[in-house]
């Protein structure tokens, strides 16, 4: 049920952004207070079915985290972010690695642009970028389907 709830919040948030030229809501009341509402009820800061939902909204995206109550046997934390990317807590390491690899790729692109006078350096930088892109693709697929 927690995943259904997260998807519902995400779907409403994405629909709001779609109707508002790509600008996401700044708070949950923008979703629940519209006519018709993008979200039927409020979840942020509340506990529903043994999970507490914490929400962070900006005009460029959102993060919703569902944390189980301490007395609940399930200890799985779930997070859904902009564009509906759902990750259980064990995937957070992959998410961190994904962002690290993207940063490394950007550094290599900048280095390659600076090394244009040395063709051997450029070839090596391109090879490293391709390896990073392969790793990023694998991690992206893990994030996308979890």
Protein backbone atom coordinates (compact mmCIF):
# COMPACT_ATOMS: atom_id res chain seq x y z
CA UNK A 1 0.00 0.00 0.00
CA UNK A 2 2.90 2.36 0.71
CA UNK A 3 4.04 2.19 -2.92
CA UNK A 4 0.50 2.88 -4.15
CA UNK A 5 0.34 5.93 -1.89
CA UNK A 6 3.73 7.23 -3.05
CA UNK A 7 2.72 6.71 -6.68
CA UNK A 8 -0.54 8.56 -6.06
CA UNK A 9 1.29 11.56 -4.56
CA UNK A 10 3.83 11.48 -7.40
CA UNK A 11 1.15 11.17 -10.12
CA UNK A 12 -0.72 14.15 -8.69
CA UNK A 13 2.46 16.18 -8.48
CA UNK A 14 3.46 15.30 -12.04
CA UNK A 15 -0.05 16.17 -13.31
CA UNK A 16 0.18 19.54 -11.53
CA UNK A 17 3.57 20.24 -13.19
CA UNK A 18 2.21 19.22 -16.57
CA UNK A 19 -0.72 21.64 -16.21
CA UNK A 20 1.60 24.42 -14.97
CA UNK A 21 4.24 24.49 -17.73
CA UNK A 22 6.67 22.19 -15.91
CA UNK A 23 6.58 24.08 -12.60
CA UNK A 24 6.03 21.78 -9.63
CA UNK A 25 3.91 22.77 -6.62
CA UNK A 26 5.66 24.40 -3.68
CA UNK A 27 3.51 22.52 -1.15
CA UNK A 28 0.94 19.78 -0.84
CA UNK A 29 -1.96 22.20 -0.44
CA UNK A 30 -1.48 23.18 -4.09
CA UNK A 31 -2.39 19.57 -4.90
CA UNK A 32 -5.25 19.08 -2.45
CA UNK A 33 -6.74 22.58 -2.65
CA UNK A 34 -7.14 22.88 -6.42
CA UNK A 35 -10.41 22.33 -8.22
CA UNK A 36 -10.45 19.53 -9.16
CA UNK A 37 -7.77 18.33 -6.72
CA UNK A 38 -4.63 16.62 -8.00
CA UNK A 39 -4.52 14.66 -4.73
CA UNK A 40 -7.65 13.54 -2.87
CA UNK A 41 -6.20 13.80 0.64
CA UNK A 42 -3.20 15.13 2.51
CA UNK A 43 -0.35 12.74 3.37
CA UNK A 44 2.67 14.97 4.09
CA UNK A 45 3.66 15.00 7.74
CA UNK A 46 1.03 12.37 8.54
CA UNK A 47 1.05 8.68 9.32
CA UNK A 48 -1.10 6.39 7.21
CA UNK A 49 -1.12 2.61 7.54
CA UNK A 50 2.03 2.56 9.71
CA UNK A 51 4.09 4.84 7.38
CA UNK A 52 4.88 8.52 7.93
CA UNK A 53 5.16 10.59 4.77
CA UNK A 54 7.67 13.45 4.63
CA UNK A 55 7.48 15.76 1.64
CA UNK A 56 9.79 18.30 0.10
CA UNK A 57 8.50 20.38 -2.81
CA UNK A 58 10.29 22.95 -4.97
CA UNK A 59 9.24 24.47 -8.27
CA UNK A 60 11.75 22.16 -10.00
CA UNK A 61 10.84 18.87 -8.31
CA UNK A 62 9.96 16.92 -5.22
CA UNK A 63 11.03 14.18 -2.83
CA UNK A 64 8.54 12.14 -0.82
CA UNK A 65 9.83 9.68 1.79
CA UNK A 66 7.74 7.02 3.53
CA UNK A 67 9.24 5.87 6.82
CA UNK A 68 7.72 2.99 8.79
CA UNK A 69 6.63 3.51 12.38
CA UNK A 70 9.02 2.19 15.01
CA UNK A 71 6.51 -0.47 16.11
CA UNK A 72 5.96 -1.72 12.56
CA UNK A 73 7.79 -4.94 11.62
CA UNK A 74 8.71 -3.62 8.17
CA UNK A 75 11.81 -1.42 8.30
CA UNK A 76 11.87 -0.55 4.59
CA UNK A 77 12.05 3.17 3.82
CA UNK A 78 10.79 4.24 0.39
CA UNK A 79 11.45 7.45 -1.51
CA UNK A 80 9.85 8.74 -4.68
CA UNK A 81 11.34 11.71 -6.49
CA UNK A 82 10.72 13.92 -9.49
CA UNK A 83 9.39 12.03 -12.51
CA UNK A 84 8.19 9.17 -10.31
CA UNK A 85 11.53 7.50 -9.57
CA UNK A 86 10.84 5.12 -6.68
CA UNK A 87 13.69 3.76 -4.59
CA UNK A 88 13.65 1.52 -1.54
CA UNK A 89 16.30 2.35 1.05
CA UNK A 90 18.83 -0.23 -0.14
CA UNK A 91 18.91 1.53 -3.51
CA UNK A 92 20.07 4.79 -1.93
CA UNK A 93 23.68 3.63 -2.33
CA UNK A 94 23.02 3.18 -6.05
CA UNK A 95 21.47 6.63 -6.19
CA UNK A 96 24.54 8.15 -4.55
CA UNK A 97 26.81 6.24 -6.94
CA UNK A 98 24.68 7.38 -9.89
CA UNK A 99 25.19 11.03 -8.93
CA UNK A 100 28.92 10.49 -8.25
CA UNK A 101 29.36 8.97 -11.71
CA UNK A 102 27.49 11.86 -13.33
CA UNK A 103 29.80 14.31 -11.53
CA UNK A 104 32.89 12.36 -12.62
CA UNK A 105 31.64 12.41 -16.19
CA UNK A 106 31.21 16.19 -16.08
CA UNK A 107 34.76 16.60 -14.72
CA UNK A 108 36.11 14.42 -17.55
CA UNK A 109 34.20 16.40 -20.18
CA UNK A 110 35.67 19.65 -18.83
CA UNK A 111 39.16 18.08 -18.72
CA UNK A 112 38.76 16.82 -22.29
CA UNK A 113 37.79 20.30 -23.46
CA UNK A 114 40.90 21.70 -21.77
CA UNK A 115 43.17 18.97 -23.25
CA UNK A 116 42.22 19.51 -26.89
CA UNK A 117 45.84 20.10 -27.88
CA UNK A 118 46.84 16.58 -26.78
CA UNK A 119 45.04 13.97 -28.93
CA UNK A 120 46.20 11.04 -26.76
CA UNK A 121 44.73 12.65 -23.64
CA UNK A 122 41.48 13.35 -25.47
CA UNK A 123 41.22 9.70 -26.60
CA UNK A 124 41.79 8.50 -23.04
CA UNK A 125 39.22 10.96 -21.68
CA UNK A 126 36.66 9.77 -24.26
CA UNK A 127 37.32 6.14 -23.28
CA UNK A 128 36.79 6.99 -19.59
CA UNK A 129 33.60 8.90 -20.39
CA UNK A 130 32.21 5.91 -22.29
CA UNK A 131 32.97 3.62 -19.34
CA UNK A 132 31.25 6.04 -16.97
CA UNK A 133 28.24 6.29 -19.28
CA UNK A 134 27.90 2.51 -19.23
CA UNK A 135 28.00 2.48 -15.42
CA UNK A 136 25.52 5.37 -15.23
CA UNK A 137 23.15 3.53 -17.58
CA UNK A 138 23.23 0.39 -15.40
CA UNK A 139 22.52 2.40 -12.24
CA UNK A 140 19.80 4.41 -13.96
CA UNK A 141 18.01 1.22 -14.93
CA UNK A 142 18.20 -0.03 -11.33
CA UNK A 143 16.72 3.27 -10.06
CA UNK A 144 14.05 3.36 -12.76
CA UNK A 145 12.51 -0.04 -12.06
CA UNK A 146 12.74 -0.11 -8.26
